[in-house]
C-alpha atoms as a PDB file:
ATOM      1  CA  UNK A   1    -151.322  42.369-123.910  1.00  0.00           C
ATOM      2  CA  UNK A   2    -154.033  40.115-125.279  1.00  0.00           C
ATOM      3  CA  UNK A   3    -152.868  36.630-126.226  1.00  0.00           C
ATOM      4  CA  UNK A   4    -155.279  34.914-128.642  1.00  0.00           C
ATOM      5  CA  UNK A   5    -155.787  31.465-130.110  1.00  0.00           C
ATOM      6  CA  UNK A   6    -158.644  29.620-131.816  1.00  0.00           C
ATOM      7  CA  UNK A   7    -160.588  26.404-131.430  1.00  0.00           C
ATOM      8  CA  UNK A   8    -162.900  24.598-133.820  1.00  0.00           C
ATOM      9  CA  UNK A   9    -162.583  24.155-137.563  1.00  0.00           C
ATOM     10  CA  UNK A  10    -164.173  26.627-139.961  1.00  0.00           C
ATOM     11  CA  UNK A  11    -164.127  24.056-142.743  1.00  0.00           C
ATOM     12  CA  UNK A  12    -165.578  21.146-140.799  1.00  0.00           C
ATOM     13  CA  UNK A  13    -169.356  20.916-141.488  1.00  0.00           C
ATOM     14  CA  UNK A  14    -169.704  18.581-138.520  1.00  0.00           C
ATOM     15  CA  UNK A  15    -168.856  21.386-136.114  1.00  0.00           C
ATOM     16  CA  UNK A  16    -171.272  24.196-135.345  1.00  0.00           C
ATOM     17  CA  UNK A  17    -168.923  26.685-133.663  1.00  0.00           C
ATOM     18  CA  UNK A  18    -165.654  28.491-134.259  1.00  0.00           C
ATOM     19  CA  UNK A  19    -164.073  30.257-131.233  1.00  0.00           C
ATOM     20  CA  UNK A  20    -161.372  32.793-130.597  1.00  0.00           C
ATOM     21  CA  UNK A  21    -160.225  32.919-126.966  1.00  0.00           C
ATOM     22  CA  UNK A  22    -157.914  35.342-125.290  1.00  0.00           C
ATOM     23  CA  UNK A  23    -155.998  36.034-122.086  1.00  0.00           C
ATOM     24  CA  UNK A  24    -155.328  39.707-121.316  1.00  0.00           C
ATOM     25  CA  UNK A  25    -152.447  40.387-118.999  1.00  0.00           C
ATOM     26  CA  UNK A  26    -151.074  43.701-117.733  1.00  0.00           C
ATOM     27  CA  UNK A  27    -147.404  43.886-118.635  1.00  0.00           C
ATOM     28  CA  UNK A  28    -146.138  43.615-115.039  1.00  0.00           C
ATOM     29  CA  UNK A  29    -148.152  40.433-114.574  1.00  0.00           C
ATOM     30  CA  UNK A  30    -146.788  38.590-117.624  1.00  0.00           C
ATOM     31  CA  UNK A  31    -143.623  37.252-115.935  1.00  0.00           C
ATOM     32  CA  UNK A  32    -145.566  35.960-112.927  1.00  0.00           C
ATOM     33  CA  UNK A  33    -148.221  34.171-114.975  1.00  0.00           C
ATOM     34  CA  UNK A  34    -145.561  32.513-117.178  1.00  0.00           C
ATOM     35  CA  UNK A  35    -143.619  31.431-114.109  1.00  0.00           C
ATOM     36  CA  UNK A  36    -146.736  29.967-112.475  1.00  0.00           C
ATOM     37  CA  UNK A  37    -147.626  28.172-115.681  1.00  0.00           C
ATOM     38  CA  UNK A  38    -144.140  26.691-116.046  1.00  0.00           C
ATOM     39  CA  UNK A  39    -144.278  25.456-112.448  1.00  0.00           C
ATOM     40  CA  UNK A  40    -147.718  23.955-113.014  1.00  0.00           C
ATOM     41  CA  UNK A  41    -146.559  22.092-116.137  1.00  0.00           C
ATOM     42  CA  UNK A  42    -143.392  20.866-114.396  1.00  0.00           C
ATOM     43  CA  UNK A  43    -145.594  19.300-111.698  1.00  0.00           C
ATOM     44  CA  UNK A  44    -147.482  17.276-114.332  1.00  0.00           C
ATOM     45  CA  UNK A  45    -144.571  14.821-114.314  1.00  0.00           C
ATOM     46  CA  UNK A  46    -144.984  13.852-117.963  1.00  0.00           C
ATOM     47  CA  UNK A  47    -141.536  14.756-119.261  1.00  0.00           C
ATOM     48  CA  UNK A  48    -139.423  17.832-119.597  1.00  0.00           C
ATOM     49  CA  UNK A  49    -141.745  20.805-118.946  1.00  0.00           C
ATOM     50  CA  UNK A  50    -140.238  22.679-121.897  1.00  0.00           C
ATOM     51  CA  UNK A  51    -141.553  19.985-124.244  1.00  0.00           C
ATOM     52  CA  UNK A  52    -145.082  20.001-122.834  1.00  0.00           C
ATOM     53  CA  UNK A  53    -147.316  22.354-124.832  1.00  0.00           C
ATOM     54  CA  UNK A  54    -150.669  23.186-123.316  1.00  0.00           C
ATOM     55  CA  UNK A  55    -153.107  22.465-126.132  1.00  0.00           C
ATOM     56  CA  UNK A  56    -156.705  21.739-125.214  1.00  0.00           C
ATOM     57  CA  UNK A  57    -157.774  19.409-127.999  1.00  0.00           C
ATOM     58  CA  UNK A  58    -154.495  17.449-128.035  1.00  0.00           C
ATOM     59  CA  UNK A  59    -154.476  17.007-124.290  1.00  0.00           C
ATOM     60  CA  UNK A  60    -158.127  15.986-124.148  1.00  0.00           C
ATOM     61  CA  UNK A  61    -157.860  13.423-126.973  1.00  0.00           C
ATOM     62  CA  UNK A  62    -154.342  12.240-126.118  1.00  0.00           C
ATOM     63  CA  UNK A  63    -152.742  13.227-129.394  1.00  0.00           C
ATOM     64  CA  UNK A  64    -149.082  13.965-129.952  1.00  0.00           C
ATOM     65  CA  UNK A  65    -145.914  12.490-128.450  1.00  0.00           C
ATOM     66  CA  UNK A  66    -146.284  13.917-124.947  1.00  0.00           C
ATOM     67  CA  UNK A  67    -150.055  13.742-124.423  1.00  0.00           C
ATOM     68  CA  UNK A  68    -150.319  10.467-126.304  1.00  0.00           C
ATOM     69  CA  UNK A  69    -148.047   8.822-123.723  1.00  0.00           C
ATOM     70  CA  UNK A  70    -150.588   9.619-121.015  1.00  0.00           C
ATOM     71  CA  UNK A  71    -153.257   6.998-121.738  1.00  0.00           C
ATOM     72  CA  UNK A  72    -155.760   7.891-119.000  1.00  0.00           C
ATOM     73  CA  UNK A  73    -158.194  10.572-120.138  1.00  0.00           C
ATOM     74  CA  UNK A  74    -159.090  11.239-116.492  1.00  0.00           C
ATOM     75  CA  UNK A  75    -155.448  12.108-115.812  1.00  0.00           C
ATOM     76  CA  UNK A  76    -155.254  14.304-118.901  1.00  0.00           C
ATOM     77  CA  UNK A  77    -158.462  16.138-117.885  1.00  0.00           C
ATOM     78  CA  UNK A  78    -157.047  16.666-114.427  1.00  0.00           C
ATOM     79  CA  UNK A  79    -153.977  18.366-115.856  1.00  0.00           C
ATOM     80  CA  UNK A  80    -156.097  20.577-118.096  1.00  0.00           C
ATOM     81  CA  UNK A  81    -158.088  21.628-115.026  1.00  0.00           C
ATOM     82  CA  UNK A  82    -154.887  22.429-113.108  1.00  0.00           C
ATOM     83  CA  UNK A  83    -153.727  24.740-115.910  1.00  0.00           C
ATOM     84  CA  UNK A  84    -157.164  26.399-116.112  1.00  0.00           C
ATOM     85  CA  UNK A  85    -157.019  26.998-112.352  1.00  0.00           C
ATOM     86  CA  UNK A  86    -154.263  29.517-113.059  1.00  0.00           C
ATOM     87  CA  UNK A  87    -156.820  31.597-114.959  1.00  0.00           C
ATOM     88  CA  UNK A  88    -159.772  30.929-112.645  1.00  0.00           C
ATOM     89  CA  UNK A  89    -158.098  32.531-109.643  1.00  0.00           C
ATOM     90  CA  UNK A  90    -159.021  36.207-108.964  1.00  0.00           C
ATOM     91  CA  UNK A  91    -155.939  37.939-110.344  1.00  0.00           C
ATOM     92  CA  UNK A  92    -156.539  41.678-111.062  1.00  0.00           C
ATOM     93  CA  UNK A  93    -153.931  41.774-113.856  1.00  0.00           C
ATOM     94  CA  UNK A  94    -155.678  39.029-115.860  1.00  0.00           C
ATOM     95  CA  UNK A  95    -158.953  39.179-117.834  1.00  0.00           C
ATOM     96  CA  UNK A  96    -160.389  36.649-120.247  1.00  0.00           C
ATOM     97  CA  UNK A  97    -162.035  37.151-123.648  1.00  0.00           C
ATOM     98  CA  UNK A  98    -163.795  34.778-126.048  1.00  0.00           C
ATOM     99  CA  UNK A  99    -166.014  34.982-129.101  1.00  0.00           C
ATOM    100  CA  UNK A 100    -168.115  31.899-129.986  1.00  0.00           C
ATOM    101  CA  UNK A 101    -169.438  32.071-133.550  1.00  0.00           C
ATOM    102  CA  UNK A 102    -172.293  29.894-134.799  1.00  0.00           C
ATOM    103  CA  UNK A 103    -170.920  29.405-138.308  1.00  0.00           C
ATOM    104  CA  UNK A 104    -174.190  28.643-140.087  1.00  0.00           C
ATOM    105  CA  UNK A 105    -176.171  31.352-138.274  1.00  0.00           C
ATOM    106  CA  UNK A 106    -173.801  34.168-139.314  1.00  0.00           C
ATOM    107  CA  UNK A 107    -173.379  32.998-142.934  1.00  0.00           C
ATOM    108  CA  UNK A 108    -172.366  34.417-145.390  1.00  0.00           C
ATOM    109  CA  UNK A 109    -170.007  36.292-143.079  1.00  0.00           C
ATOM    110  CA  UNK A 110    -166.591  34.730-142.588  1.00  0.00           C
ATOM    111  CA  UNK A 111    -166.638  33.399-138.992  1.00  0.00           C
ATOM    112  CA  UNK A 112    -162.921  34.027-138.571  1.00  0.00           C
ATOM    113  CA  UNK A 113    -163.182  37.677-139.568  1.00  0.00           C
ATOM    114  CA  UNK A 114    -166.295  38.153-137.440  1.00  0.00           C
ATOM    115  CA  UNK A 115    -164.633  36.593-134.395  1.00  0.00           C
ATOM    116  CA  UNK A 116    -161.460  38.644-134.923  1.00  0.00           C
ATOM    117  CA  UNK A 117    -163.368  41.912-135.269  1.00  0.00           C
ATOM    118  CA  UNK A 118    -165.391  41.159-132.127  1.00  0.00           C
ATOM    119  CA  UNK A 119    -162.418  40.231-129.981  1.00  0.00           C
ATOM    120  CA  UNK A 120    -160.529  43.343-131.126  1.00  0.00           C
ATOM    121  CA  UNK A 121    -163.549  45.497-130.360  1.00  0.00           C
ATOM    122  CA  UNK A 122    -164.026  44.025-126.900  1.00  0.00           C
ATOM    123  CA  UNK A 123    -160.365  44.371-126.000  1.00  0.00           C
ATOM    124  CA  UNK A 124    -160.404  47.967-127.279  1.00  0.00           C
ATOM    125  CA  UNK A 125    -163.467  48.791-125.114  1.00  0.00           C
ATOM    126  CA  UNK A 126    -161.810  47.160-122.098  1.00  0.00           C
ATOM    127  CA  UNK A 127    -158.778  49.389-122.586  1.00  0.00           C
ATOM    128  CA  UNK A 128    -160.958  52.446-123.063  1.00  0.00           C
ATOM    129  CA  UNK A 129    -162.854  51.763-119.818  1.00  0.00           C
ATOM    130  CA  UNK A 130    -159.599  51.309-117.953  1.00  0.00           C
ATOM    131  CA  UNK A 131    -158.186  54.546-119.385  1.00  0.00           C
ATOM    132  CA  UNK A 132    -161.318  56.475-118.463  1.00  0.00           C
ATOM    133  CA  UNK A 133    -161.356  55.020-114.952  1.00  0.00           C
ATOM    134  CA  UNK A 134    -157.630  55.583-114.249  1.00  0.00           C
ATOM    135  CA  UNK A 135    -157.315  58.738-116.406  1.00  0.00           C
ATOM    136  CA  UNK A 136    -154.453  57.164-118.328  1.00  0.00           C
ATOM    137  CA  UNK A 137    -153.723  56.709-122.029  1.00  0.00           C
ATOM    138  CA  UNK A 138    -152.499  53.125-122.215  1.00  0.00           C
ATOM    139  CA  UNK A 139    -152.482  51.099-125.414  1.00  0.00           C
ATOM    140  CA  UNK A 140    -152.895  47.357-125.956  1.00  0.00           C
ATOM    141  CA  UNK A 141    -151.224  44.807-128.205  1.00  0.00           C
ATOM    142  CA  UNK A 142    -152.640  41.520-129.529  1.00  0.00           C
ATOM    143  CA  UNK A 143    -150.389  38.438-129.844  1.00  0.00           C
ATOM    144  CA  UNK A 144    -151.734  35.458-131.811  1.00  0.00           C
ATOM    145  CA  UNK A 145    -150.616  31.952-132.678  1.00  0.00           C
ATOM    146  CA  UNK A 146    -149.118  31.563-136.155  1.00  0.00           C
ATOM    147  CA  UNK A 147    -151.623  29.800-138.378  1.00  0.00           C
ATOM    148  CA  UNK A 148    -153.142  29.745-141.818  1.00  0.00           C
ATOM    149  CA  UNK A 149    -155.258  32.714-140.634  1.00  0.00           C
ATOM    150  CA  UNK A 150    -152.218  34.971-140.198  1.00  0.00           C
ATOM    151  CA  UNK A 151    -152.162  36.691-143.579  1.00  0.00           C
ATOM    152  CA  UNK A 152    -155.893  37.500-143.889  1.00  0.00           C
ATOM    153  CA  UNK A 153    -156.039  38.688-140.287  1.00  0.00           C
ATOM    154  CA  UNK A 154    -153.009  40.949-140.749  1.00  0.00           C
ATOM    155  CA  UNK A 155    -154.741  42.460-143.797  1.00  0.00           C
ATOM    156  CA  UNK A 156    -157.977  42.841-141.881  1.00  0.00           C
ATOM    157  CA  UNK A 157    -156.190  44.501-138.966  1.00  0.00           C
ATOM    158  CA  UNK A 158    -154.600  47.022-141.313  1.00  0.00           C
ATOM    159  CA  UNK A 159    -158.023  47.714-142.770  1.00  0.00           C
ATOM    160  CA  UNK A 160    -159.398  48.355-139.254  1.00  0.00           C
ATOM    161  CA  UNK A 161    -156.499  50.699-138.496  1.00  0.00           C
ATOM    162  CA  UNK A 162    -157.026  52.802-141.648  1.00  0.00           C
ATOM    163  CA  UNK A 163    -160.794  52.586-142.220  1.00  0.00           C
ATOM    164  CA  UNK A 164    -162.178  51.525-138.872  1.00  0.00           C
ATOM    165  CA  UNK A 165    -164.452  48.607-138.053  1.00  0.00           C
ATOM    166  CA  UNK A 166    -168.201  48.331-137.503  1.00  0.00           C
ATOM    167  CA  UNK A 167    -167.868  50.300-134.267  1.00  0.00           C
ATOM    168  CA  UNK A 168    -165.302  52.799-135.495  1.00  0.00           C
ATOM    169  CA  UNK A 169    -161.542  53.013-134.923  1.00  0.00           C
ATOM    170  CA  UNK A 170    -159.757  50.756-132.469  1.00  0.00           C
ATOM    171  CA  UNK A 171    -157.913  53.729-130.989  1.00  0.00           C
ATOM    172  CA  UNK A 172    -156.606  51.869-127.972  1.00  0.00           C
ATOM    173  CA  UNK A 173    -154.698  49.211-129.948  1.00  0.00           C
ATOM    174  CA  UNK A 174    -151.037  50.123-130.509  1.00  0.00           C
ATOM    175  CA  UNK A 175    -150.322  47.958-133.557  1.00  0.00           C
ATOM    176  CA  UNK A 176    -151.597  45.169-135.805  1.00  0.00           C
ATOM    177  CA  UNK A 177    -151.414  41.710-134.157  1.00  0.00           C
ATOM    178  CA  UNK A 178    -148.061  40.018-133.709  1.00  0.00           C
ATOM    179  CA  UNK A 179    -147.954  36.318-134.681  1.00  0.00           C
ATOM    180  CA  UNK A 180    -145.761  33.872-132.727  1.00  0.00           C
ATOM    181  CA  UNK A 181    -145.163  30.156-132.474  1.00  0.00           C
ATOM    182  CA  UNK A 182    -147.358  28.814-129.679  1.00  0.00           C
ATOM    183  CA  UNK A 183    -144.649  26.404-128.560  1.00  0.00           C
ATOM    184  CA  UNK A 184    -142.557  29.357-127.421  1.00  0.00           C
ATOM    185  CA  UNK A 185    -145.103  31.241-125.319  1.00  0.00           C
ATOM    186  CA  UNK A 186    -147.089  29.866-122.414  1.00  0.00           C
ATOM    187  CA  UNK A 187    -149.637  32.679-122.640  1.00  0.00           C
ATOM    188  CA  UNK A 188    -150.743  31.775-126.165  1.00  0.00           C
ATOM    189  CA  UNK A 189    -151.060  28.213-124.830  1.00  0.00           C
ATOM    190  CA  UNK A 190    -153.302  29.455-122.035  1.00  0.00           C
ATOM    191  CA  UNK A 191    -155.337  31.364-124.641  1.00  0.00           C
ATOM    192  CA  UNK A 192    -155.717  28.060-126.483  1.00  0.00           C
ATOM    193  CA  UNK A 193    -157.194  26.514-123.322  1.00  0.00           C
ATOM    194  CA  UNK A 194    -159.653  29.392-123.005  1.00  0.00           C
ATOM    195  CA  UNK A 195    -160.722  29.001-126.627  1.00  0.00           C
ATOM    196  CA  UNK A 196    -160.978  25.211-126.313  1.00  0.00           C
ATOM    197  CA  UNK A 197    -162.944  25.337-123.023  1.00  0.00           C
ATOM    198  CA  UNK A 198    -165.336  27.852-124.582  1.00  0.00           C
ATOM    199  CA  UNK A 199    -165.686  25.689-127.690  1.00  0.00           C
ATOM    200  CA  UNK A 200    -166.442  22.610-125.565  1.00  0.00           C
ATOM    201  CA  UNK A 201    -169.156  24.603-123.774  1.00  0.00           C
ATOM    202  CA  UNK A 202    -170.888  25.842-126.931  1.00  0.00           C
ATOM    203  CA  UNK A 203    -170.247  22.878-129.227  1.00  0.00           C
ATOM    204  CA  UNK A 204    -170.882  20.037-126.761  1.00  0.00           C
ATOM    205  CA  UNK A 205    -172.679  21.768-123.828  1.00  0.00           C
ATOM    206  CA  UNK A 206    -169.729  20.591-121.696  1.00  0.00           C
ATOM    207  CA  UNK A 207    -169.112  23.220-119.044  1.00  0.00           C
ATOM    208  CA  UNK A 208    -166.654  21.230-116.904  1.00  0.00           C
ATOM    209  CA  UNK A 209    -163.681  23.278-118.123  1.00  0.00           C
ATOM    210  CA  UNK A 210    -165.497  26.532-118.945  1.00  0.00           C
ATOM    211  CA  UNK A 211    -167.720  27.235-115.974  1.00  0.00           C
ATOM    212  CA  UNK A 212    -164.891  28.099-113.570  1.00  0.00           C
ATOM    213  CA  UNK A 213    -163.688  30.761-116.025  1.00  0.00           C
ATOM    214  CA  UNK A 214    -166.971  32.701-116.223  1.00  0.00           C
ATOM    215  CA  UNK A 215    -166.116  35.159-113.387  1.00  0.00           C
ATOM    216  CA  UNK A 216    -162.786  35.951-115.098  1.00  0.00           C
ATOM    217  CA  UNK A 217    -164.216  37.231-118.357  1.00  0.00           C
ATOM    218  CA  UNK A 218    -164.119  41.026-118.639  1.00  0.00           C
ATOM    219  CA  UNK A 219    -167.328  42.417-117.166  1.00  0.00           C
ATOM    220  CA  UNK A 220    -168.686  45.747-116.032  1.00  0.00           C
ATOM    221  CA  UNK A 221    -171.987  46.613-114.378  1.00  0.00           C
ATOM    222  CA  UNK A 222    -173.116  42.981-114.349  1.00  0.00           C
ATOM    223  CA  UNK A 223    -172.664  42.593-118.122  1.00  0.00           C
ATOM    224  CA  UNK A 224    -170.054  40.154-119.425  1.00  0.00           C
ATOM    225  CA  UNK A 225    -168.371  42.153-122.192  1.00  0.00           C
ATOM    226  CA  UNK A 226    -165.442  39.791-122.682  1.00  0.00           C
ATOM    227  CA  UNK A 227    -167.593  36.866-123.803  1.00  0.00           C
ATOM    228  CA  UNK A 228    -169.712  37.146-126.941  1.00  0.00           C
ATOM    229  CA  UNK A 229    -171.995  34.609-128.619  1.00  0.00           C
ATOM    230  CA  UNK A 230    -172.492  35.396-132.318  1.00  0.00           C
ATOM    231  CA  UNK A 231    -175.721  33.568-133.122  1.00  0.00           C
ATOM    232  CA  UNK A 232    -177.127  35.575-136.052  1.00  0.00           C
ATOM    233  CA  UNK A 233    -180.259  37.626-136.398  1.00  0.00           C
ATOM    234  CA  UNK A 234    -183.551  36.055-135.477  1.00  0.00           C
ATOM    235  CA  UNK A 235    -181.993  33.382-133.246  1.00  0.00           C
ATOM    236  CA  UNK A 236    -183.968  31.957-130.389  1.00  0.00           C
ATOM    237  CA  UNK A 237    -183.394  33.196-126.820  1.00  0.00           C
ATOM    238  CA  UNK A 238    -180.103  32.018-125.434  1.00  0.00           C
ATOM    239  CA  UNK A 239    -179.221  31.519-121.787  1.00  0.00           C
ATOM    240  CA  UNK A 240    -175.444  31.218-122.098  1.00  0.00           C
ATOM    241  CA  UNK A 241    -173.600  33.539-119.647  1.00  0.00           C
ATOM    242  CA  UNK A 242    -172.882  36.155-122.361  1.00  0.00           C
ATOM    243  CA  UNK A 243    -176.424  36.440-123.672  1.00  0.00           C
ATOM    244  CA  UNK A 244    -178.065  36.114-120.264  1.00  0.00           C
ATOM    245  CA  UNK A 245    -175.989  38.931-118.723  1.00  0.00           C
ATOM    246  CA  UNK A 246    -177.138  41.271-121.526  1.00  0.00           C
ATOM    247  CA  UNK A 247    -180.786  40.175-121.393  1.00  0.00           C
ATOM    248  CA  UNK A 248    -181.031  40.991-117.684  1.00  0.00           C
ATOM    249  CA  UNK A 249    -179.709  44.537-118.150  1.00  0.00           C
END
């Protein structure tokens, strides 16, 4: 299962990047990660844990009823870090994915569609590698937060299923994405934190939340496949973890 959420605004000219982030969890690990996340949130001590939604931008800026009541940004950042620690630990059942799109550099392509195609492709290749290694035939499923992007992405996913994408058919994906309310699933909330931490890194060069996650992105042979920086053709050399891992291979 790949849980996906986004960060950054496509329509905001003041922002350079749009990001999709994802948390991939093997089915037997889902219960344990949700339980650990619930316990982590309960220890925050900022109200009923059920009412506390992990949302990177809201927590960082102190927006909303729950996070707005916590006036200290240092305390809010500490709680974000505690939640990210759940993903930073070396858990074999969990892999991270993110696509950071430089909106202007990839124009006129739609950054949402580009990011979605890339994250589908990278999840599909991850499943293919696993199947080849274990000699299995497992399929994956993508779960996304309900948003204004739902309808176009459903249509795009159907197009991929019938006609293929840039890299061919996503044969290891079982179905088009399922869309859920992020308030009801901790794993979409964790995906939001991955997307937001990646966005902070690329948009503001703030790696305080992102850097600990680098070893958890899907990688093979020293190349980080789970993290992709879409910077357009003719861009200058980039030394972000994704680009650097490819340049050295």
